[in-house]
N, C-alpha and C. Protein backbone atom coordinates (compact mmCIF):
# COMPACT_ATOMS: atom_id res chain seq x y z
N MET A 1 24.46 -7.42 11.95
CA MET A 1 24.86 -6.58 10.88
C MET A 1 24.79 -7.40 9.58
N ILE A 2 24.33 -6.70 8.57
CA ILE A 2 24.15 -7.38 7.18
C ILE A 2 25.52 -7.41 6.52
N SER A 3 25.85 -8.62 6.05
CA SER A 3 27.12 -8.71 5.35
C SER A 3 27.21 -8.00 3.98
N LYS A 4 28.32 -7.67 3.59
CA LYS A 4 28.54 -7.02 2.37
C LYS A 4 28.21 -7.93 1.14
N ILE A 5 28.34 -9.19 1.39
CA ILE A 5 28.01 -10.22 0.33
C ILE A 5 26.54 -10.19 0.11
N LEU A 6 25.67 -10.16 1.24
CA LEU A 6 24.23 -10.14 1.10
C LEU A 6 23.84 -8.85 0.45
N VAL A 7 24.36 -7.68 0.82
CA VAL A 7 24.03 -6.41 0.16
C VAL A 7 24.36 -6.49 -1.36
N GLY A 8 25.52 -7.05 -1.68
CA GLY A 8 25.93 -7.11 -3.02
C GLY A 8 24.92 -7.96 -3.86
N LYS A 9 24.55 -9.12 -3.23
CA LYS A 9 23.60 -10.01 -3.89
C LYS A 9 22.20 -9.30 -4.13
N ALA A 10 21.81 -8.53 -3.12
CA ALA A 10 20.53 -7.96 -3.18
C ALA A 10 20.47 -6.80 -4.28
N ILE A 11 21.55 -6.04 -4.33
CA ILE A 11 21.76 -5.02 -5.34
C ILE A 11 21.74 -5.65 -6.80
N GLU A 12 22.49 -6.73 -6.86
CA GLU A 12 22.49 -7.44 -8.18
C GLU A 12 21.14 -7.85 -8.65
N GLU A 13 20.33 -8.45 -7.66
CA GLU A 13 19.00 -8.87 -8.00
C GLU A 13 18.07 -7.64 -8.42
N LEU A 14 18.28 -6.53 -7.65
CA LEU A 14 17.45 -5.38 -7.98
C LEU A 14 17.86 -4.88 -9.32
N LYS A 15 19.03 -4.88 -9.66
CA LYS A 15 19.52 -4.38 -10.92
C LYS A 15 18.95 -5.26 -12.00
N LYS A 16 18.84 -6.60 -11.88
CA LYS A 16 18.28 -7.45 -12.82
C LYS A 16 16.79 -7.11 -12.98
N LEU A 17 16.07 -6.87 -11.84
CA LEU A 17 14.71 -6.54 -11.92
C LEU A 17 14.49 -5.27 -12.69
N LEU A 18 15.30 -4.25 -12.45
CA LEU A 18 15.17 -3.02 -13.14
C LEU A 18 15.36 -3.10 -14.62
N ILE A 19 16.32 -3.87 -15.01
CA ILE A 19 16.64 -4.09 -16.40
C ILE A 19 15.48 -4.96 -17.00
N GLY A 20 14.90 -5.84 -16.26
CA GLY A 20 13.74 -6.56 -16.71
C GLY A 20 12.48 -5.72 -16.95
N LEU A 21 12.43 -4.60 -16.26
CA LEU A 21 11.34 -3.66 -16.37
C LEU A 21 11.59 -2.73 -17.53
N GLY A 22 12.76 -2.81 -18.16
CA GLY A 22 12.95 -1.98 -19.37
C GLY A 22 13.99 -0.90 -19.28
N LEU A 23 14.68 -0.81 -18.06
CA LEU A 23 15.73 0.19 -17.96
C LEU A 23 17.03 -0.39 -18.57
N ASP A 24 17.82 0.35 -19.16
CA ASP A 24 19.10 -0.09 -19.64
C ASP A 24 20.04 -0.21 -18.47
N PRO A 25 21.18 -0.90 -18.46
CA PRO A 25 22.05 -1.02 -17.34
C PRO A 25 22.50 0.29 -16.72
N ASP A 26 22.76 1.24 -17.56
CA ASP A 26 23.15 2.58 -16.94
C ASP A 26 22.03 3.22 -16.23
N GLN A 27 20.77 3.17 -16.77
CA GLN A 27 19.63 3.71 -16.12
C GLN A 27 19.34 2.95 -14.75
N ALA A 28 19.51 1.66 -14.80
CA ALA A 28 19.32 0.87 -13.54
C ALA A 28 20.27 1.31 -12.52
N ILE A 29 21.52 1.53 -12.90
CA ILE A 29 22.54 1.98 -11.87
C ILE A 29 22.33 3.34 -11.40
N GLU A 30 21.83 4.26 -12.32
CA GLU A 30 21.52 5.60 -11.96
C GLU A 30 20.36 5.57 -10.96
N PHE A 31 19.36 4.72 -11.25
CA PHE A 31 18.18 4.56 -10.27
C PHE A 31 18.69 4.20 -8.88
N LEU A 32 19.53 3.15 -8.91
CA LEU A 32 20.04 2.76 -7.64
C LEU A 32 20.88 3.84 -6.84
N LYS A 33 21.64 4.57 -7.58
CA LYS A 33 22.36 5.65 -6.97
C LYS A 33 21.52 6.75 -6.29
N ASN A 34 20.28 6.95 -6.98
CA ASN A 34 19.34 8.03 -6.54
C ASN A 34 18.32 7.53 -5.55
N LEU A 35 18.28 6.25 -5.17
CA LEU A 35 17.35 5.73 -4.33
C LEU A 35 17.72 6.24 -2.93
N ASP A 36 16.70 6.76 -2.15
CA ASP A 36 17.09 7.20 -0.79
C ASP A 36 16.24 6.47 0.18
N MET A 37 16.54 6.66 1.47
CA MET A 37 15.92 5.80 2.50
C MET A 37 14.44 6.16 2.71
N GLU A 38 14.14 7.56 2.49
CA GLU A 38 12.72 7.99 2.68
C GLU A 38 11.85 7.30 1.57
N GLN A 39 12.29 7.22 0.38
CA GLN A 39 11.55 6.56 -0.68
C GLN A 39 11.34 5.06 -0.39
N LEU A 40 12.40 4.47 0.13
CA LEU A 40 12.38 3.04 0.47
C LEU A 40 11.36 2.79 1.59
N LYS A 41 11.39 3.63 2.60
CA LYS A 41 10.47 3.44 3.74
C LYS A 41 9.04 3.63 3.29
N LEU A 42 8.82 4.64 2.44
CA LEU A 42 7.47 4.90 1.97
C LEU A 42 6.95 3.71 1.09
N ALA A 43 7.82 3.16 0.29
CA ALA A 43 7.42 2.02 -0.60
C ALA A 43 7.31 0.69 0.08
N TRP A 44 8.03 0.54 1.25
CA TRP A 44 8.04 -0.74 1.88
C TRP A 44 6.66 -1.22 2.36
N ASN A 45 5.87 -0.34 2.90
CA ASN A 45 4.57 -0.76 3.43
C ASN A 45 3.41 -0.27 2.49
N TYR A 46 3.71 0.07 1.26
CA TYR A 46 2.70 0.54 0.35
C TYR A 46 2.37 -0.61 -0.62
N LYS A 47 1.08 -0.73 -0.72
CA LYS A 47 0.59 -1.87 -1.67
C LYS A 47 -0.39 -1.15 -2.61
N GLU A 48 -0.33 -1.63 -3.89
CA GLU A 48 -1.18 -1.04 -4.91
C GLU A 48 -1.76 -2.20 -5.63
N LEU A 49 -3.10 -2.19 -5.77
CA LEU A 49 -3.80 -3.30 -6.51
C LEU A 49 -4.68 -2.72 -7.55
N LYS A 50 -4.75 -3.48 -8.64
CA LYS A 50 -5.68 -3.14 -9.83
C LYS A 50 -6.50 -4.39 -9.93
N VAL A 51 -7.77 -4.27 -9.62
CA VAL A 51 -8.66 -5.44 -9.67
C VAL A 51 -9.94 -5.05 -10.39
N ASP A 52 -10.71 -6.00 -10.82
CA ASP A 52 -12.02 -5.76 -11.39
C ASP A 52 -13.02 -5.35 -10.33
N THR A 53 -13.04 -6.13 -9.27
CA THR A 53 -14.00 -5.96 -8.12
C THR A 53 -13.24 -6.02 -6.85
N TYR A 54 -13.55 -5.19 -5.82
CA TYR A 54 -13.04 -5.21 -4.57
C TYR A 54 -14.10 -5.30 -3.51
N SER A 55 -13.93 -6.25 -2.58
CA SER A 55 -14.97 -6.48 -1.60
C SER A 55 -14.62 -5.96 -0.20
N PHE A 56 -15.68 -5.94 0.60
CA PHE A 56 -15.42 -5.64 2.04
C PHE A 56 -14.63 -6.64 2.68
N ARG A 57 -14.74 -7.90 2.21
CA ARG A 57 -13.94 -8.99 2.82
C ARG A 57 -12.40 -8.77 2.46
N ASP A 58 -12.21 -8.31 1.16
CA ASP A 58 -10.82 -7.96 0.76
C ASP A 58 -10.20 -6.94 1.68
N ALA A 59 -10.98 -5.91 1.99
CA ALA A 59 -10.52 -4.82 2.81
C ALA A 59 -10.21 -5.33 4.19
N ILE A 60 -11.03 -6.12 4.80
CA ILE A 60 -10.87 -6.70 6.11
C ILE A 60 -9.59 -7.57 6.14
N GLU A 61 -9.42 -8.42 5.07
CA GLU A 61 -8.19 -9.27 5.01
C GLU A 61 -6.95 -8.40 4.97
N TRP A 62 -6.88 -7.28 4.21
CA TRP A 62 -5.74 -6.40 4.16
C TRP A 62 -5.45 -5.80 5.54
N ILE A 63 -6.54 -5.34 6.18
CA ILE A 63 -6.45 -4.74 7.51
C ILE A 63 -5.85 -5.75 8.46
N LYS A 64 -6.34 -6.90 8.48
CA LYS A 64 -5.85 -8.01 9.41
C LYS A 64 -4.38 -8.39 9.07
N SER A 65 -4.01 -8.39 7.78
CA SER A 65 -2.67 -8.70 7.47
C SER A 65 -1.62 -7.62 7.93
N GLU A 66 -2.09 -6.42 8.10
CA GLU A 66 -1.18 -5.27 8.41
C GLU A 66 -1.25 -4.96 9.81
N MET A 67 -2.21 -5.45 10.61
CA MET A 67 -2.49 -5.06 11.94
C MET A 67 -1.32 -5.43 12.88
N ASP A 68 -0.90 -4.50 13.72
CA ASP A 68 0.09 -4.75 14.76
C ASP A 68 -0.53 -4.24 16.00
N GLN A 69 -0.97 -5.18 16.94
CA GLN A 69 -1.78 -4.69 18.07
C GLN A 69 -0.99 -3.75 18.97
N ASN A 70 0.38 -3.73 18.89
CA ASN A 70 1.10 -2.73 19.71
C ASN A 70 0.95 -1.32 19.13
N LYS A 71 0.60 -1.19 17.88
CA LYS A 71 0.47 0.22 17.28
C LYS A 71 -0.88 0.62 16.85
N HIS A 72 -1.74 -0.40 16.54
CA HIS A 72 -3.01 -0.07 15.90
C HIS A 72 -4.17 -0.44 16.83
N LYS A 73 -5.25 0.26 16.62
CA LYS A 73 -6.59 -0.10 17.20
C LYS A 73 -6.99 -1.34 16.45
N TYR A 74 -7.58 -2.29 17.13
CA TYR A 74 -7.92 -3.54 16.49
C TYR A 74 -8.92 -3.35 15.48
N ASN A 75 -8.70 -3.81 14.21
CA ASN A 75 -9.62 -3.76 13.11
C ASN A 75 -10.07 -2.33 12.78
N GLY A 76 -9.15 -1.30 12.96
CA GLY A 76 -9.47 0.01 12.67
C GLY A 76 -8.79 0.54 11.36
N ALA A 77 -9.62 1.13 10.45
CA ALA A 77 -9.10 1.58 9.24
C ALA A 77 -10.04 2.67 8.72
N VAL A 78 -9.38 3.56 7.86
CA VAL A 78 -10.15 4.47 7.14
C VAL A 78 -10.06 4.13 5.64
N ILE A 79 -11.21 4.18 4.97
CA ILE A 79 -11.18 3.93 3.56
C ILE A 79 -11.72 5.12 2.83
N ASN A 80 -11.02 5.84 2.03
CA ASN A 80 -11.51 6.88 1.24
C ASN A 80 -11.84 6.41 -0.16
N LYS A 81 -12.90 6.98 -0.81
CA LYS A 81 -13.25 6.48 -2.08
C LYS A 81 -13.39 7.69 -2.96
N THR A 82 -12.70 7.70 -4.13
CA THR A 82 -12.88 8.69 -5.19
C THR A 82 -13.10 7.99 -6.41
N GLU A 83 -13.72 8.70 -7.41
CA GLU A 83 -13.94 8.07 -8.69
C GLU A 83 -13.32 8.86 -9.77
N GLU A 84 -12.60 8.16 -10.70
CA GLU A 84 -11.88 8.86 -11.78
C GLU A 84 -12.08 8.06 -13.04
N ASN A 85 -12.59 8.60 -14.03
CA ASN A 85 -12.80 8.03 -15.38
C ASN A 85 -13.42 6.68 -15.31
N GLY A 86 -14.53 6.45 -14.52
CA GLY A 86 -15.22 5.20 -14.42
C GLY A 86 -14.48 4.25 -13.53
N LYS A 87 -13.44 4.55 -12.91
CA LYS A 87 -12.67 3.68 -11.95
C LYS A 87 -12.97 4.24 -10.55
N ILE A 88 -12.99 3.23 -9.64
CA ILE A 88 -13.13 3.63 -8.24
C ILE A 88 -11.75 3.44 -7.56
N ILE A 89 -11.26 4.54 -6.92
CA ILE A 89 -9.96 4.45 -6.23
C ILE A 89 -10.22 4.39 -4.70
N LEU A 90 -9.74 3.41 -4.09
CA LEU A 90 -9.81 3.27 -2.58
C LEU A 90 -8.54 3.46 -2.02
N THR A 91 -8.41 4.25 -1.03
CA THR A 91 -7.17 4.28 -0.19
C THR A 91 -7.43 3.92 1.22
N ILE A 92 -6.66 2.95 1.65
CA ILE A 92 -6.98 2.40 3.02
C ILE A 92 -5.69 2.52 3.88
N CYS A 93 -5.96 3.10 5.10
CA CYS A 93 -4.87 3.18 6.12
C CYS A 93 -5.38 2.71 7.45
N LEU A 94 -4.54 2.43 8.34
CA LEU A 94 -4.92 1.91 9.72
C LEU A 94 -5.09 3.06 10.70
N LEU A 95 -5.81 2.74 11.77
CA LEU A 95 -5.90 3.73 12.84
C LEU A 95 -4.94 3.43 14.01
N ASP A 96 -4.51 4.37 14.59
CA ASP A 96 -3.62 4.17 15.83
C ASP A 96 -4.52 3.91 16.97
N LYS A 97 -3.99 3.67 18.20
CA LYS A 97 -4.80 3.43 19.30
C LYS A 97 -5.63 4.58 19.86
N LYS A 98 -5.43 5.70 19.28
CA LYS A 98 -6.21 6.89 19.59
C LYS A 98 -7.23 7.20 18.50
N ASP A 99 -7.44 6.28 17.59
CA ASP A 99 -8.43 6.41 16.51
C ASP A 99 -7.96 7.41 15.47
N GLU A 100 -6.70 7.73 15.41
CA GLU A 100 -6.20 8.64 14.41
C GLU A 100 -5.62 7.89 13.21
N PRO A 101 -5.88 8.34 11.95
CA PRO A 101 -5.33 7.67 10.84
C PRO A 101 -3.85 7.71 10.84
N MET A 102 -3.20 6.61 10.54
CA MET A 102 -1.79 6.47 10.52
C MET A 102 -1.27 6.78 9.09
N LEU A 103 -0.77 7.99 8.87
CA LEU A 103 -0.48 8.42 7.51
C LEU A 103 0.98 8.90 7.38
N LYS A 104 1.81 8.50 8.36
CA LYS A 104 3.24 8.92 8.32
C LYS A 104 4.04 8.03 7.34
N LEU A 105 5.14 8.47 6.97
CA LEU A 105 6.06 7.76 6.05
C LEU A 105 6.37 6.45 6.70
N GLY A 106 6.16 5.36 5.90
CA GLY A 106 6.44 3.98 6.38
C GLY A 106 5.26 3.25 6.99
N ASP A 107 4.16 3.96 7.27
CA ASP A 107 2.90 3.39 7.73
C ASP A 107 2.29 2.51 6.62
N ALA A 108 1.66 1.42 6.99
CA ALA A 108 0.98 0.65 6.06
C ALA A 108 -0.06 1.37 5.29
N PHE A 109 -0.19 1.22 4.01
CA PHE A 109 -1.09 1.99 3.14
C PHE A 109 -1.42 1.18 1.93
N CYS A 110 -2.67 1.15 1.49
CA CYS A 110 -3.07 0.39 0.36
C CYS A 110 -3.92 1.22 -0.62
N LYS A 111 -3.57 1.21 -1.86
CA LYS A 111 -4.38 1.89 -2.80
C LYS A 111 -4.91 0.88 -3.82
N VAL A 112 -6.25 0.89 -3.99
CA VAL A 112 -6.90 -0.08 -4.85
C VAL A 112 -7.61 0.70 -5.98
N GLU A 113 -7.34 0.29 -7.18
CA GLU A 113 -8.07 0.76 -8.40
C GLU A 113 -8.91 -0.37 -8.87
N THR A 114 -10.23 -0.06 -8.95
CA THR A 114 -11.16 -1.20 -9.29
C THR A 114 -12.25 -0.59 -10.06
N LEU A 115 -13.03 -1.49 -10.77
CA LEU A 115 -14.16 -1.08 -11.63
C LEU A 115 -15.38 -1.02 -10.72
N SER A 116 -15.45 -1.88 -9.73
CA SER A 116 -16.70 -2.02 -8.88
C SER A 116 -16.32 -2.50 -7.45
N ILE A 117 -17.23 -2.17 -6.55
CA ILE A 117 -17.09 -2.64 -5.16
C ILE A 117 -18.31 -3.40 -4.84
N CYS A 118 -18.24 -4.27 -3.83
CA CYS A 118 -19.31 -5.18 -3.43
C CYS A 118 -20.37 -4.39 -2.70
N ASP A 119 -21.61 -4.97 -2.58
CA ASP A 119 -22.68 -4.31 -1.99
C ASP A 119 -22.43 -3.94 -0.49
N ASP A 120 -21.76 -4.89 0.20
CA ASP A 120 -21.37 -4.54 1.62
C ASP A 120 -20.46 -3.31 1.79
N LEU A 121 -19.49 -3.23 0.96
CA LEU A 121 -18.64 -2.07 1.02
C LEU A 121 -19.38 -0.89 0.56
N ARG A 122 -20.13 -0.86 -0.44
CA ARG A 122 -20.98 0.25 -0.94
C ARG A 122 -21.88 0.71 0.22
N ALA A 123 -22.48 -0.25 0.97
CA ALA A 123 -23.36 0.07 2.06
C ALA A 123 -22.63 0.86 3.18
N ASN A 124 -21.43 0.44 3.39
CA ASN A 124 -20.59 1.08 4.52
C ASN A 124 -20.27 2.42 4.17
N PHE A 125 -20.06 2.78 2.78
CA PHE A 125 -19.93 4.14 2.40
C PHE A 125 -21.15 4.95 2.50
N GLY A 126 -22.31 4.39 2.19
CA GLY A 126 -23.51 5.15 2.15
C GLY A 126 -23.42 6.26 1.16
N ASP A 127 -23.80 7.44 1.60
CA ASP A 127 -23.60 8.61 0.67
C ASP A 127 -22.34 9.37 0.95
N LYS A 128 -21.37 8.84 1.73
CA LYS A 128 -20.10 9.46 2.09
C LYS A 128 -19.00 8.91 1.14
N ASN A 129 -17.95 9.61 1.17
CA ASN A 129 -16.74 9.12 0.43
C ASN A 129 -15.65 8.45 1.30
N MET A 130 -16.13 8.25 2.62
CA MET A 130 -15.17 7.62 3.55
C MET A 130 -15.96 6.72 4.54
N CYS A 131 -15.34 5.60 4.92
CA CYS A 131 -15.91 4.79 5.98
C CYS A 131 -14.85 4.39 6.95
N ILE A 132 -15.23 4.25 8.18
CA ILE A 132 -14.24 3.75 9.22
C ILE A 132 -14.69 2.41 9.64
N ILE A 133 -13.72 1.44 9.59
CA ILE A 133 -14.03 0.05 9.96
C ILE A 133 -13.41 -0.17 11.29
N LYS A 134 -14.30 -0.64 12.27
CA LYS A 134 -13.76 -0.96 13.68
C LYS A 134 -14.21 -2.33 14.00
């Protein structure tokens, strides 16, 4: 069981972070009051990147870092690509052992906003907006 002292320290650090992000103390406290477990679960395994270039190797590294052999098909992921205002948006999720995308609350998920992708990743997409990596 987590001690009340540890919880208190964690909340105090989170409050400092929120104030550092520009919230006044009352707004930070209100934010903490309204934080629910579903939001926390969703954010826990969510990663968002903004980079100039994203490579196939970057995607493979993220997949490997999130892979759990008990839950996931080895090296399986779906990458969707959309383009908005000159930016490329990639969304990456893992595949379960039945080759189904894992899209439930709390599943590992990565969103990448980039200006360009490497030739290897572009080749994997071909003329499609999705590729599956196995």
